[in-house]
N, C-alpha and C. Protein backbone atom coordinates (compact mmCIF):
# COMPACT_ATOMS: atom_id res chain seq x y z
N MET A 1 30.52 -10.12 0.09
CA MET A 1 29.51 -10.33 -0.94
C MET A 1 29.86 -9.49 -2.16
N GLU A 2 29.77 -10.08 -3.33
CA GLU A 2 30.07 -9.37 -4.56
C GLU A 2 28.80 -8.72 -5.08
N SER A 3 28.95 -7.73 -5.93
CA SER A 3 27.77 -7.12 -6.53
C SER A 3 28.10 -6.64 -7.93
N LEU A 4 27.07 -6.57 -8.75
CA LEU A 4 27.23 -6.12 -10.12
C LEU A 4 25.97 -5.36 -10.50
N SER A 5 26.15 -4.17 -11.04
CA SER A 5 25.00 -3.42 -11.51
C SER A 5 25.21 -3.03 -12.96
N VAL A 6 24.19 -3.16 -13.73
CA VAL A 6 24.27 -2.71 -15.11
C VAL A 6 23.01 -1.95 -15.45
N CYS A 7 22.01 -1.62 -16.31
CA CYS A 7 21.24 -0.40 -16.74
C CYS A 7 19.75 -0.36 -16.67
N LEU A 8 17.85 1.09 -17.51
CA LEU A 8 16.62 1.40 -16.83
C LEU A 8 15.44 1.76 -17.70
N ALA A 9 14.07 1.45 -17.26
CA ALA A 9 12.96 2.12 -17.92
C ALA A 9 11.61 1.45 -17.99
N MET A 10 11.39 0.31 -17.41
CA MET A 10 10.04 -0.27 -17.33
C MET A 10 9.62 -0.32 -15.86
N ASP A 11 8.40 0.17 -15.61
CA ASP A 11 7.83 0.05 -14.27
C ASP A 11 7.14 -1.30 -14.20
N LEU A 12 7.77 -2.28 -13.58
CA LEU A 12 7.23 -3.63 -13.53
C LEU A 12 5.97 -3.73 -12.68
N SER A 13 5.72 -2.72 -11.84
CA SER A 13 4.49 -2.74 -11.05
C SER A 13 3.31 -2.19 -11.84
N ALA A 14 3.58 -1.48 -12.93
CA ALA A 14 2.51 -0.91 -13.76
C ALA A 14 2.97 -0.91 -15.22
N PRO A 15 3.09 -2.08 -15.84
CA PRO A 15 3.67 -2.19 -17.18
C PRO A 15 2.91 -1.45 -18.26
N PHE A 16 1.60 -1.21 -18.08
CA PHE A 16 0.83 -0.51 -19.10
C PHE A 16 1.31 0.94 -19.28
N GLN A 17 1.94 1.50 -18.25
CA GLN A 17 2.34 2.89 -18.33
C GLN A 17 3.39 3.14 -19.39
N ALA A 18 4.02 2.09 -19.87
CA ALA A 18 4.98 2.26 -20.96
C ALA A 18 4.27 2.73 -22.24
N LEU A 19 2.99 2.39 -22.39
CA LEU A 19 2.27 2.69 -23.63
C LEU A 19 1.01 3.51 -23.44
N PHE A 20 0.45 3.56 -22.21
CA PHE A 20 -0.83 4.21 -22.00
C PHE A 20 -0.72 5.29 -20.93
N PRO A 21 -1.60 6.32 -20.98
CA PRO A 21 -1.66 7.30 -19.90
C PRO A 21 -1.96 6.62 -18.57
N ALA A 22 -1.69 7.32 -17.48
CA ALA A 22 -1.75 6.72 -16.15
C ALA A 22 -3.12 6.13 -15.82
N VAL A 23 -4.21 6.87 -16.06
CA VAL A 23 -5.53 6.35 -15.70
C VAL A 23 -5.90 5.17 -16.59
N ASP A 24 -5.63 5.29 -17.90
CA ASP A 24 -5.88 4.16 -18.81
C ASP A 24 -5.11 2.93 -18.35
N SER A 25 -3.85 3.14 -17.96
CA SER A 25 -3.01 2.04 -17.52
C SER A 25 -3.62 1.34 -16.31
N ALA A 26 -4.05 2.13 -15.34
CA ALA A 26 -4.61 1.56 -14.11
C ALA A 26 -5.91 0.81 -14.40
N VAL A 27 -6.76 1.37 -15.24
CA VAL A 27 -8.04 0.73 -15.57
C VAL A 27 -7.80 -0.57 -16.32
N LEU A 28 -6.92 -0.56 -17.31
CA LEU A 28 -6.64 -1.76 -18.08
C LEU A 28 -6.02 -2.85 -17.21
N SER A 29 -5.18 -2.45 -16.27
CA SER A 29 -4.59 -3.43 -15.36
C SER A 29 -5.66 -4.14 -14.55
N VAL A 30 -6.61 -3.37 -14.02
CA VAL A 30 -7.69 -3.95 -13.22
C VAL A 30 -8.53 -4.90 -14.07
N LEU A 31 -8.92 -4.47 -15.26
CA LEU A 31 -9.80 -5.29 -16.09
C LEU A 31 -9.10 -6.55 -16.60
N SER A 32 -7.82 -6.44 -16.91
CA SER A 32 -7.10 -7.60 -17.43
C SER A 32 -6.90 -8.66 -16.36
N GLU A 33 -6.90 -8.26 -15.09
CA GLU A 33 -6.69 -9.20 -13.99
C GLU A 33 -8.00 -9.66 -13.35
N SER A 34 -9.12 -9.07 -13.77
CA SER A 34 -10.41 -9.40 -13.15
C SER A 34 -11.00 -10.67 -13.75
N THR A 35 -11.59 -11.49 -12.90
CA THR A 35 -12.22 -12.72 -13.35
C THR A 35 -13.74 -12.60 -13.37
N LYS A 36 -14.26 -11.40 -13.09
CA LYS A 36 -15.69 -11.17 -13.11
C LYS A 36 -15.95 -9.73 -13.55
N PRO A 37 -17.16 -9.43 -14.02
CA PRO A 37 -17.49 -8.04 -14.38
C PRO A 37 -17.35 -7.11 -13.17
N ARG A 38 -16.92 -5.89 -13.44
CA ARG A 38 -16.72 -4.90 -12.37
C ARG A 38 -17.55 -3.66 -12.65
N THR A 39 -18.14 -3.10 -11.61
CA THR A 39 -18.81 -1.81 -11.77
C THR A 39 -17.75 -0.73 -11.92
N GLY A 40 -18.18 0.44 -12.41
CA GLY A 40 -17.24 1.55 -12.52
C GLY A 40 -16.66 1.94 -11.18
N ARG A 41 -17.50 1.85 -10.13
CA ARG A 41 -17.03 2.19 -8.78
C ARG A 41 -15.94 1.20 -8.34
N GLU A 42 -16.15 -0.10 -8.63
CA GLU A 42 -15.15 -1.11 -8.26
C GLU A 42 -13.85 -0.89 -9.01
N VAL A 43 -13.96 -0.61 -10.30
CA VAL A 43 -12.75 -0.38 -11.09
C VAL A 43 -11.99 0.81 -10.54
N ALA A 44 -12.69 1.89 -10.23
CA ALA A 44 -12.04 3.08 -9.68
C ALA A 44 -11.33 2.79 -8.37
N ARG A 45 -12.00 2.00 -7.50
CA ARG A 45 -11.39 1.66 -6.20
C ARG A 45 -10.14 0.82 -6.39
N LEU A 46 -10.22 -0.21 -7.24
CA LEU A 46 -9.07 -1.09 -7.44
C LEU A 46 -7.94 -0.39 -8.19
N ALA A 47 -8.32 0.54 -9.09
CA ALA A 47 -7.31 1.28 -9.85
C ALA A 47 -6.73 2.44 -9.05
N LYS A 48 -7.39 2.76 -7.92
CA LYS A 48 -6.96 3.88 -7.07
C LYS A 48 -6.96 5.19 -7.85
N ARG A 49 -8.06 5.39 -8.59
CA ARG A 49 -8.26 6.61 -9.37
C ARG A 49 -9.64 7.17 -9.05
N SER A 50 -9.87 8.43 -9.39
CA SER A 50 -11.17 9.02 -9.13
C SER A 50 -12.23 8.35 -9.98
N GLN A 51 -13.46 8.34 -9.48
CA GLN A 51 -14.54 7.69 -10.21
C GLN A 51 -14.81 8.39 -11.53
N ALA A 52 -14.72 9.73 -11.53
CA ALA A 52 -14.99 10.49 -12.75
C ALA A 52 -13.96 10.16 -13.84
N ALA A 53 -12.68 10.16 -13.47
CA ALA A 53 -11.63 9.88 -14.45
C ALA A 53 -11.73 8.44 -14.94
N THR A 54 -12.02 7.53 -14.01
CA THR A 54 -12.16 6.12 -14.39
C THR A 54 -13.32 5.92 -15.35
N GLN A 55 -14.44 6.61 -15.07
CA GLN A 55 -15.62 6.45 -15.93
C GLN A 55 -15.36 6.95 -17.33
N ARG A 56 -14.61 8.04 -17.45
CA ARG A 56 -14.29 8.57 -18.78
C ARG A 56 -13.49 7.55 -19.58
N VAL A 57 -12.53 6.91 -18.92
CA VAL A 57 -11.71 5.91 -19.59
C VAL A 57 -12.56 4.70 -19.98
N LEU A 58 -13.40 4.24 -19.06
CA LEU A 58 -14.25 3.09 -19.34
C LEU A 58 -15.18 3.37 -20.52
N ASP A 59 -15.76 4.55 -20.55
CA ASP A 59 -16.67 4.91 -21.65
C ASP A 59 -15.92 4.92 -22.98
N ARG A 60 -14.73 5.47 -22.97
CA ARG A 60 -13.95 5.55 -24.21
C ARG A 60 -13.53 4.16 -24.68
N LEU A 61 -13.08 3.32 -23.76
CA LEU A 61 -12.68 1.96 -24.13
C LEU A 61 -13.88 1.14 -24.61
N ALA A 62 -15.04 1.39 -24.00
CA ALA A 62 -16.26 0.70 -24.43
C ALA A 62 -16.66 1.14 -25.83
N GLU A 63 -16.53 2.43 -26.11
CA GLU A 63 -16.86 2.94 -27.44
C GLU A 63 -15.97 2.32 -28.51
N ASN A 64 -14.72 2.00 -28.13
CA ASN A 64 -13.79 1.42 -29.08
C ASN A 64 -13.84 -0.11 -29.09
N GLY A 65 -14.70 -0.69 -28.26
CA GLY A 65 -14.92 -2.12 -28.29
C GLY A 65 -13.96 -2.96 -27.46
N LEU A 66 -12.95 -2.34 -26.85
CA LEU A 66 -11.98 -3.11 -26.08
C LEU A 66 -12.58 -3.55 -24.74
N VAL A 67 -13.56 -2.81 -24.26
CA VAL A 67 -14.24 -3.12 -23.01
C VAL A 67 -15.72 -3.33 -23.30
N LEU A 68 -16.30 -4.36 -22.70
CA LEU A 68 -17.72 -4.63 -22.82
C LEU A 68 -18.47 -4.01 -21.67
N LYS A 69 -19.55 -3.31 -21.98
CA LYS A 69 -20.37 -2.62 -20.97
C LYS A 69 -21.75 -3.25 -20.96
N GLU A 70 -22.19 -3.71 -19.78
CA GLU A 70 -23.48 -4.38 -19.66
C GLU A 70 -24.27 -3.80 -18.50
N LYS A 71 -25.58 -3.80 -18.67
CA LYS A 71 -26.46 -3.32 -17.61
C LYS A 71 -26.59 -4.38 -16.53
N ALA A 72 -26.48 -3.97 -15.28
CA ALA A 72 -26.64 -4.88 -14.14
C ALA A 72 -27.43 -4.14 -13.07
N GLY A 73 -28.75 -4.29 -13.12
CA GLY A 73 -29.60 -3.54 -12.20
C GLY A 73 -29.56 -2.07 -12.55
N ARG A 74 -29.25 -1.23 -11.58
CA ARG A 74 -29.16 0.21 -11.83
C ARG A 74 -27.78 0.63 -12.30
N ALA A 75 -26.84 -0.27 -12.22
CA ALA A 75 -25.45 0.06 -12.59
C ALA A 75 -25.06 -0.61 -13.90
N HIS A 76 -23.87 -0.29 -14.35
CA HIS A 76 -23.27 -0.97 -15.48
C HIS A 76 -22.02 -1.70 -14.98
N VAL A 77 -21.74 -2.83 -15.61
CA VAL A 77 -20.51 -3.56 -15.27
C VAL A 77 -19.65 -3.64 -16.52
N TYR A 78 -18.33 -3.81 -16.29
CA TYR A 78 -17.36 -3.75 -17.39
C TYR A 78 -16.43 -4.96 -17.34
N THR A 79 -16.13 -5.46 -18.52
CA THR A 79 -15.16 -6.56 -18.64
C THR A 79 -14.29 -6.29 -19.86
N LEU A 80 -13.09 -6.84 -19.83
CA LEU A 80 -12.23 -6.75 -21.00
C LEU A 80 -12.80 -7.65 -22.09
N ASN A 81 -12.89 -7.13 -23.31
CA ASN A 81 -13.40 -7.90 -24.44
C ASN A 81 -12.28 -8.77 -24.99
N HIS A 82 -12.23 -10.02 -24.58
CA HIS A 82 -11.14 -10.90 -24.97
C HIS A 82 -11.19 -11.30 -26.44
N SER A 83 -12.29 -10.99 -27.13
CA SER A 83 -12.37 -11.25 -28.56
C SER A 83 -11.76 -10.13 -29.39
N HIS A 84 -11.52 -8.99 -28.76
CA HIS A 84 -10.97 -7.84 -29.46
C HIS A 84 -9.54 -8.12 -29.91
N VAL A 85 -9.18 -7.60 -31.08
CA VAL A 85 -7.83 -7.86 -31.60
C VAL A 85 -6.74 -7.30 -30.70
N ALA A 86 -7.08 -6.30 -29.88
CA ALA A 86 -6.09 -5.71 -28.98
C ALA A 86 -6.04 -6.40 -27.63
N ALA A 87 -6.96 -7.32 -27.37
CA ALA A 87 -7.03 -7.93 -26.04
C ALA A 87 -5.79 -8.74 -25.72
N GLU A 88 -5.31 -9.52 -26.69
CA GLU A 88 -4.15 -10.36 -26.42
C GLU A 88 -2.92 -9.56 -26.02
N PRO A 89 -2.56 -8.47 -26.77
CA PRO A 89 -1.41 -7.68 -26.30
C PRO A 89 -1.66 -6.98 -24.97
N VAL A 90 -2.92 -6.62 -24.69
CA VAL A 90 -3.24 -6.00 -23.40
C VAL A 90 -2.97 -6.99 -22.27
N VAL A 91 -3.42 -8.23 -22.43
CA VAL A 91 -3.18 -9.25 -21.41
C VAL A 91 -1.69 -9.55 -21.29
N ALA A 92 -1.00 -9.56 -22.44
CA ALA A 92 0.45 -9.80 -22.42
C ALA A 92 1.16 -8.72 -21.62
N LEU A 93 0.75 -7.46 -21.79
CA LEU A 93 1.35 -6.38 -21.02
C LEU A 93 1.10 -6.56 -19.53
N ALA A 94 -0.11 -7.03 -19.20
CA ALA A 94 -0.44 -7.24 -17.79
C ALA A 94 0.43 -8.32 -17.17
N ASN A 95 0.92 -9.23 -18.00
CA ASN A 95 1.70 -10.37 -17.49
C ASN A 95 3.20 -10.22 -17.73
N LEU A 96 3.66 -8.98 -17.87
CA LEU A 96 5.08 -8.76 -18.18
C LEU A 96 6.00 -9.30 -17.10
N ARG A 97 5.63 -9.14 -15.83
CA ARG A 97 6.50 -9.64 -14.76
C ARG A 97 6.66 -11.15 -14.85
N SER A 98 5.54 -11.85 -15.07
CA SER A 98 5.60 -13.30 -15.19
C SER A 98 6.46 -13.72 -16.39
N GLU A 99 6.33 -12.98 -17.48
CA GLU A 99 7.13 -13.30 -18.66
C GLU A 99 8.61 -13.05 -18.40
N LEU A 100 8.93 -11.99 -17.67
CA LEU A 100 10.33 -11.72 -17.34
C LEU A 100 10.91 -12.87 -16.53
N PHE A 101 10.20 -13.33 -15.51
CA PHE A 101 10.72 -14.41 -14.67
C PHE A 101 10.81 -15.72 -15.45
N ARG A 102 9.89 -15.93 -16.38
CA ARG A 102 9.96 -17.13 -17.22
C ARG A 102 11.24 -17.09 -18.06
N ARG A 103 11.54 -15.94 -18.63
CA ARG A 103 12.74 -15.81 -19.46
C ARG A 103 14.01 -15.97 -18.63
N LEU A 104 13.99 -15.42 -17.42
CA LEU A 104 15.15 -15.56 -16.55
C LEU A 104 15.40 -17.03 -16.21
N ARG A 105 14.33 -17.73 -15.84
CA ARG A 105 14.48 -19.17 -15.53
C ARG A 105 15.04 -19.92 -16.74
N GLU A 106 14.55 -19.61 -17.90
CA GLU A 106 15.01 -20.27 -19.12
C GLU A 106 16.48 -19.95 -19.38
N SER A 107 16.90 -18.71 -19.12
CA SER A 107 18.28 -18.32 -19.42
C SER A 107 19.28 -19.11 -18.59
N PHE A 108 18.91 -19.45 -17.33
CA PHE A 108 19.84 -20.20 -16.48
C PHE A 108 20.05 -21.62 -16.98
N GLU A 109 19.15 -22.13 -17.79
CA GLU A 109 19.31 -23.48 -18.34
C GLU A 109 20.50 -23.56 -19.30
N PHE A 110 20.97 -22.42 -19.77
CA PHE A 110 22.07 -22.40 -20.73
C PHE A 110 23.41 -22.03 -20.10
N TRP A 111 23.43 -21.88 -18.77
CA TRP A 111 24.69 -21.56 -18.11
C TRP A 111 25.57 -22.80 -18.06
N ASP A 112 26.81 -22.68 -18.52
CA ASP A 112 27.76 -23.78 -18.43
C ASP A 112 28.18 -24.02 -16.99
N LEU A 113 28.18 -22.94 -16.18
CA LEU A 113 28.48 -23.03 -14.75
C LEU A 113 27.22 -22.58 -14.00
N PRO A 114 26.26 -23.47 -13.81
CA PRO A 114 25.00 -23.05 -13.19
C PRO A 114 25.17 -22.65 -11.73
N PRO A 115 24.38 -21.69 -11.27
CA PRO A 115 24.46 -21.28 -9.87
C PRO A 115 23.89 -22.35 -8.95
N LEU A 116 24.40 -22.38 -7.72
CA LEU A 116 23.80 -23.26 -6.72
C LEU A 116 22.36 -22.81 -6.45
N HIS A 117 22.16 -21.51 -6.54
CA HIS A 117 20.83 -20.92 -6.31
C HIS A 117 20.75 -19.60 -7.05
N ALA A 118 19.58 -19.29 -7.60
CA ALA A 118 19.31 -17.99 -8.20
C ALA A 118 17.87 -17.62 -7.87
N SER A 119 17.68 -16.39 -7.43
CA SER A 119 16.31 -15.93 -7.14
C SER A 119 16.20 -14.44 -7.40
N ALA A 120 14.99 -14.01 -7.76
CA ALA A 120 14.68 -12.59 -7.86
C ALA A 120 14.14 -12.14 -6.51
N PHE A 121 14.45 -10.92 -6.11
CA PHE A 121 13.95 -10.41 -4.84
C PHE A 121 13.74 -8.91 -4.97
N GLY A 122 13.29 -8.28 -3.91
CA GLY A 122 13.10 -6.84 -3.94
C GLY A 122 11.85 -6.42 -4.69
N SER A 123 11.85 -5.19 -5.20
CA SER A 123 10.64 -4.59 -5.76
C SER A 123 10.13 -5.33 -7.00
N ALA A 124 11.03 -5.85 -7.83
CA ALA A 124 10.58 -6.58 -9.02
C ALA A 124 9.83 -7.84 -8.62
N ALA A 125 10.32 -8.53 -7.60
CA ALA A 125 9.65 -9.74 -7.13
C ALA A 125 8.32 -9.42 -6.46
N ARG A 126 8.28 -8.30 -5.72
CA ARG A 126 7.04 -7.91 -5.03
C ARG A 126 6.02 -7.29 -5.98
N GLY A 127 6.52 -6.68 -7.06
CA GLY A 127 5.62 -5.99 -7.99
C GLY A 127 5.27 -4.59 -7.55
N ASP A 128 6.14 -3.95 -6.76
CA ASP A 128 5.84 -2.59 -6.31
C ASP A 128 6.97 -1.63 -6.63
N GLY A 129 7.70 -1.90 -7.71
CA GLY A 129 8.82 -1.06 -8.07
C GLY A 129 8.39 0.24 -8.74
N ARG A 130 9.40 1.02 -9.14
CA ARG A 130 9.17 2.25 -9.88
C ARG A 130 9.89 2.15 -11.22
N LEU A 131 9.79 3.23 -12.00
CA LEU A 131 10.38 3.23 -13.33
C LEU A 131 11.89 3.01 -13.27
N ASP A 132 12.54 3.52 -12.19
CA ASP A 132 13.99 3.43 -12.10
C ASP A 132 14.46 2.31 -11.17
N SER A 133 13.55 1.39 -10.80
CA SER A 133 13.92 0.32 -9.89
C SER A 133 14.78 -0.73 -10.60
N ASP A 134 15.75 -1.27 -9.86
CA ASP A 134 16.55 -2.38 -10.38
C ASP A 134 15.73 -3.66 -10.39
N VAL A 135 16.13 -4.58 -11.24
CA VAL A 135 15.65 -5.96 -11.16
C VAL A 135 16.70 -6.71 -10.35
N ASP A 136 16.41 -6.99 -9.08
CA ASP A 136 17.39 -7.56 -8.16
C ASP A 136 17.42 -9.08 -8.28
N ILE A 137 18.63 -9.62 -8.42
CA ILE A 137 18.81 -11.06 -8.55
C ILE A 137 19.92 -11.50 -7.59
N PHE A 138 19.65 -12.56 -6.84
CA PHE A 138 20.60 -13.11 -5.87
C PHE A 138 21.14 -14.43 -6.42
N LEU A 139 22.46 -14.54 -6.48
CA LEU A 139 23.11 -15.74 -6.98
C LEU A 139 24.03 -16.33 -5.92
N VAL A 140 24.03 -17.65 -5.82
CA VAL A 140 25.01 -18.35 -4.99
C VAL A 140 25.93 -19.11 -5.93
N ARG A 141 27.21 -18.71 -5.92
CA ARG A 141 28.22 -19.33 -6.79
C ARG A 141 28.71 -20.64 -6.17
N PRO A 142 28.69 -21.74 -6.90
CA PRO A 142 29.15 -23.02 -6.35
C PRO A 142 30.58 -22.93 -5.84
N LYS A 143 30.90 -23.71 -4.80
CA LYS A 143 32.22 -23.64 -4.17
C LYS A 143 33.35 -24.02 -5.10
N GLU A 144 33.05 -24.84 -6.12
CA GLU A 144 34.11 -25.25 -7.04
C GLU A 144 34.41 -24.20 -8.10
N VAL A 145 33.65 -23.09 -8.13
CA VAL A 145 33.85 -22.02 -9.11
C VAL A 145 34.51 -20.84 -8.40
N ASP A 146 35.67 -20.45 -8.87
CA ASP A 146 36.40 -19.34 -8.27
C ASP A 146 35.70 -18.02 -8.53
N GLU A 147 35.85 -17.08 -7.59
CA GLU A 147 35.22 -15.77 -7.71
C GLU A 147 35.63 -15.06 -8.99
N ASP A 148 36.87 -15.25 -9.42
CA ASP A 148 37.39 -14.56 -10.60
C ASP A 148 37.29 -15.41 -11.87
N ASP A 149 36.56 -16.50 -11.82
CA ASP A 149 36.43 -17.36 -12.99
C ASP A 149 35.87 -16.56 -14.17
N ALA A 150 36.57 -16.60 -15.29
CA ALA A 150 36.19 -15.78 -16.44
C ALA A 150 34.82 -16.18 -17.00
N GLU A 151 34.54 -17.47 -17.02
CA GLU A 151 33.26 -17.92 -17.55
C GLU A 151 32.11 -17.48 -16.65
N TRP A 152 32.33 -17.57 -15.34
CA TRP A 152 31.29 -17.13 -14.41
C TRP A 152 31.01 -15.63 -14.59
N ARG A 153 32.09 -14.86 -14.70
CA ARG A 153 31.94 -13.42 -14.90
C ARG A 153 31.19 -13.13 -16.20
N ARG A 154 31.50 -13.89 -17.23
CA ARG A 154 30.83 -13.69 -18.52
C ARG A 154 29.33 -13.98 -18.38
N GLN A 155 29.00 -15.00 -17.60
CA GLN A 155 27.60 -15.32 -17.39
C GLN A 155 26.88 -14.22 -16.62
N GLU A 156 27.51 -13.68 -15.59
CA GLU A 156 26.92 -12.58 -14.83
C GLU A 156 26.64 -11.39 -15.74
N GLU A 157 27.65 -11.02 -16.53
CA GLU A 157 27.51 -9.88 -17.42
C GLU A 157 26.43 -10.13 -18.47
N GLY A 158 26.38 -11.36 -18.97
CA GLY A 158 25.35 -11.69 -19.94
C GLY A 158 23.96 -11.61 -19.35
N LEU A 159 23.82 -12.02 -18.09
CA LEU A 159 22.53 -11.94 -17.41
C LEU A 159 22.09 -10.48 -17.28
N ALA A 160 23.00 -9.61 -16.89
CA ALA A 160 22.67 -8.19 -16.77
C ALA A 160 22.25 -7.61 -18.12
N GLU A 161 22.95 -8.01 -19.18
CA GLU A 161 22.60 -7.52 -20.52
C GLU A 161 21.22 -8.00 -20.94
N LEU A 162 20.88 -9.24 -20.60
CA LEU A 162 19.56 -9.77 -20.93
C LEU A 162 18.47 -8.97 -20.21
N VAL A 163 18.66 -8.73 -18.92
CA VAL A 163 17.66 -7.99 -18.15
C VAL A 163 17.45 -6.60 -18.75
N PHE A 164 18.55 -5.94 -19.09
CA PHE A 164 18.43 -4.60 -19.67
C PHE A 164 17.73 -4.65 -21.02
N GLY A 165 18.07 -5.63 -21.83
CA GLY A 165 17.46 -5.77 -23.14
C GLY A 165 15.98 -6.06 -23.05
N TRP A 166 15.58 -6.86 -22.06
CA TRP A 166 14.17 -7.25 -21.92
C TRP A 166 13.32 -6.16 -21.29
N THR A 167 13.91 -5.33 -20.41
CA THR A 167 13.10 -4.39 -19.63
C THR A 167 13.55 -2.94 -19.73
N GLY A 168 14.82 -2.70 -20.05
CA GLY A 168 15.36 -1.34 -19.98
C GLY A 168 15.77 -0.96 -18.57
N ASN A 169 15.65 -1.89 -17.61
CA ASN A 169 16.02 -1.62 -16.22
C ASN A 169 17.41 -2.16 -15.90
N HIS A 170 18.05 -1.55 -14.89
CA HIS A 170 19.31 -2.07 -14.37
C HIS A 170 19.08 -3.45 -13.76
N ALA A 171 20.06 -4.31 -13.87
CA ALA A 171 20.07 -5.56 -13.12
C ALA A 171 20.95 -5.35 -11.89
N GLY A 172 20.38 -5.54 -10.71
CA GLY A 172 21.15 -5.47 -9.47
C GLY A 172 21.47 -6.90 -9.06
N ILE A 173 22.67 -7.35 -9.38
CA ILE A 173 23.02 -8.76 -9.16
C ILE A 173 23.93 -8.87 -7.94
N ALA A 174 23.45 -9.55 -6.91
CA ALA A 174 24.24 -9.79 -5.70
C ALA A 174 24.68 -11.24 -5.70
N VAL A 175 25.99 -11.46 -5.51
CA VAL A 175 26.55 -12.81 -5.58
C VAL A 175 27.26 -13.13 -4.28
N VAL A 176 27.01 -14.33 -3.78
CA VAL A 176 27.74 -14.84 -2.63
C VAL A 176 28.24 -16.24 -2.97
N GLY A 177 29.46 -16.55 -2.54
CA GLY A 177 29.98 -17.88 -2.78
C GLY A 177 29.37 -18.89 -1.82
N GLU A 178 29.29 -20.15 -2.25
CA GLU A 178 28.74 -21.19 -1.39
C GLU A 178 29.51 -21.27 -0.08
N ASN A 179 30.82 -21.04 -0.14
CA ASN A 179 31.64 -21.12 1.07
C ASN A 179 31.39 -19.96 2.02
N ASP A 180 30.68 -18.91 1.54
CA ASP A 180 30.41 -17.74 2.38
C ASP A 180 29.03 -17.77 3.00
N LEU A 181 28.30 -18.87 2.82
CA LEU A 181 26.94 -18.92 3.37
C LEU A 181 26.92 -18.83 4.89
N ASP A 182 27.92 -19.42 5.55
CA ASP A 182 27.97 -19.32 7.01
C ASP A 182 28.16 -17.87 7.45
N ARG A 183 29.02 -17.14 6.73
CA ARG A 183 29.23 -15.72 7.06
C ARG A 183 27.94 -14.93 6.84
N LEU A 184 27.23 -15.29 5.80
CA LEU A 184 25.96 -14.62 5.52
C LEU A 184 25.01 -14.81 6.70
N ARG A 185 25.02 -16.02 7.27
CA ARG A 185 24.16 -16.30 8.41
C ARG A 185 24.58 -15.46 9.61
N ARG A 186 25.86 -15.37 9.85
CA ARG A 186 26.33 -14.62 11.01
C ARG A 186 26.05 -13.13 10.88
N ASP A 187 26.34 -12.58 9.69
CA ASP A 187 26.18 -11.14 9.48
C ASP A 187 24.71 -10.74 9.32
N HIS A 188 23.93 -11.66 8.79
CA HIS A 188 22.49 -11.45 8.56
C HIS A 188 22.20 -10.08 7.94
N PRO A 189 22.68 -9.83 6.71
CA PRO A 189 22.38 -8.57 6.05
C PRO A 189 20.90 -8.47 5.68
N ALA A 190 20.45 -7.25 5.39
CA ALA A 190 19.04 -7.01 5.08
C ALA A 190 18.58 -7.82 3.87
N ILE A 191 19.50 -8.08 2.95
CA ILE A 191 19.15 -8.83 1.74
C ILE A 191 18.58 -10.20 2.09
N LEU A 192 19.04 -10.78 3.19
CA LEU A 192 18.57 -12.11 3.58
C LEU A 192 17.09 -12.08 3.94
N ASP A 193 16.67 -11.04 4.67
CA ASP A 193 15.25 -10.91 5.01
C ASP A 193 14.41 -10.68 3.77
N SER A 194 14.94 -9.91 2.83
CA SER A 194 14.21 -9.63 1.59
C SER A 194 14.01 -10.90 0.77
N ILE A 195 15.07 -11.72 0.71
CA ILE A 195 14.98 -12.97 -0.06
C ILE A 195 14.00 -13.93 0.62
N ARG A 196 14.04 -13.99 1.94
CA ARG A 196 13.10 -14.85 2.67
C ARG A 196 11.66 -14.42 2.40
N ALA A 197 11.44 -13.11 2.43
CA ALA A 197 10.07 -12.60 2.33
C ALA A 197 9.54 -12.60 0.89
N ASP A 198 10.41 -12.24 -0.07
CA ASP A 198 9.91 -11.98 -1.43
C ASP A 198 10.56 -12.83 -2.51
N GLY A 199 11.58 -13.62 -2.14
CA GLY A 199 12.36 -14.31 -3.16
C GLY A 199 11.54 -15.22 -4.06
N LEU A 200 11.79 -15.12 -5.37
CA LEU A 200 11.17 -15.99 -6.36
C LEU A 200 12.26 -16.84 -6.99
N LEU A 201 12.16 -18.15 -6.82
CA LEU A 201 13.20 -19.05 -7.31
C LEU A 201 13.31 -18.98 -8.83
N LEU A 202 14.56 -18.86 -9.30
CA LEU A 202 14.83 -18.86 -10.74
C LEU A 202 15.61 -20.10 -11.17
N ALA A 203 16.47 -20.60 -10.28
CA ALA A 203 17.28 -21.78 -10.62
C ALA A 203 17.90 -22.35 -9.35
N GLY A 204 18.20 -23.65 -9.40
CA GLY A 204 18.96 -24.27 -8.32
C GLY A 204 18.14 -24.67 -7.11
N ILE A 205 18.81 -24.71 -5.97
CA ILE A 205 18.21 -25.13 -4.71
C ILE A 205 17.06 -24.20 -4.33
N PRO A 206 15.91 -24.74 -3.93
CA PRO A 206 14.78 -23.89 -3.52
C PRO A 206 15.17 -22.92 -2.41
N THR A 207 14.56 -21.75 -2.43
CA THR A 207 14.90 -20.69 -1.50
C THR A 207 14.79 -21.12 -0.05
N ARG A 208 13.70 -21.77 0.31
CA ARG A 208 13.50 -22.18 1.70
C ARG A 208 14.58 -23.15 2.15
N ARG A 209 14.92 -24.09 1.28
CA ARG A 209 15.97 -25.05 1.63
C ARG A 209 17.32 -24.38 1.75
N LEU A 210 17.61 -23.46 0.86
CA LEU A 210 18.89 -22.75 0.91
C LEU A 210 18.98 -21.93 2.20
N LEU A 211 17.96 -21.19 2.51
CA LEU A 211 18.00 -20.34 3.69
C LEU A 211 17.97 -21.15 4.96
N GLY A 212 17.37 -22.32 4.89
CA GLY A 212 17.41 -23.20 6.04
C GLY A 212 18.81 -23.63 6.38
N ARG A 213 19.66 -23.69 5.33
CA ARG A 213 21.04 -24.08 5.53
C ARG A 213 21.88 -22.97 6.14
N VAL A 214 21.37 -21.73 6.07
CA VAL A 214 22.18 -20.62 6.57
C VAL A 214 21.53 -19.94 7.78
N GLN A 215 20.46 -20.48 8.31
CA GLN A 215 19.82 -19.88 9.49
C GLN A 215 20.58 -20.25 10.75
């Protein structure tokens, strides 16, 4: 199996942390993903932060209009103010992982030598990475494309550069040739279990169908 690594700096599991303090980041993540008003206690639980720290952030965001605060019985509930001029970029930050995968799928449409299969796997696909986590991508090179093909290599390198440019993170690109799929089945490396469990299709043959061919 071939591998290629290139370069780091966005936590895809908590994208707000690039711009906001940790508690603010966690609170904004919860509110941007919520489809209903949340009490301060609920926000604190989902954000995995103390209630006191969460409440301070909620009060400050409410004072600035980014969060709406409403009375609900004895408690108050909070929602992201989608009319606020900052709401759109806040939601965009919350959806950074989806935007990354959308861009990756689009990039494969321009490959002159398209992969038989491409998928994201590992922490980026699961959404539980860290600041220094790679964006792991699994590629299956078609049997008619030689391992040392210059154009294929250029495409791999270009993909790594795109990932770094979009996220600041290393691209961990694992490549296997179509002719090596049987060996992959026999050796059953850990990467195979990760792709089965977490793989997100980016291009080519669907993951389940591909893995069915190598089980």
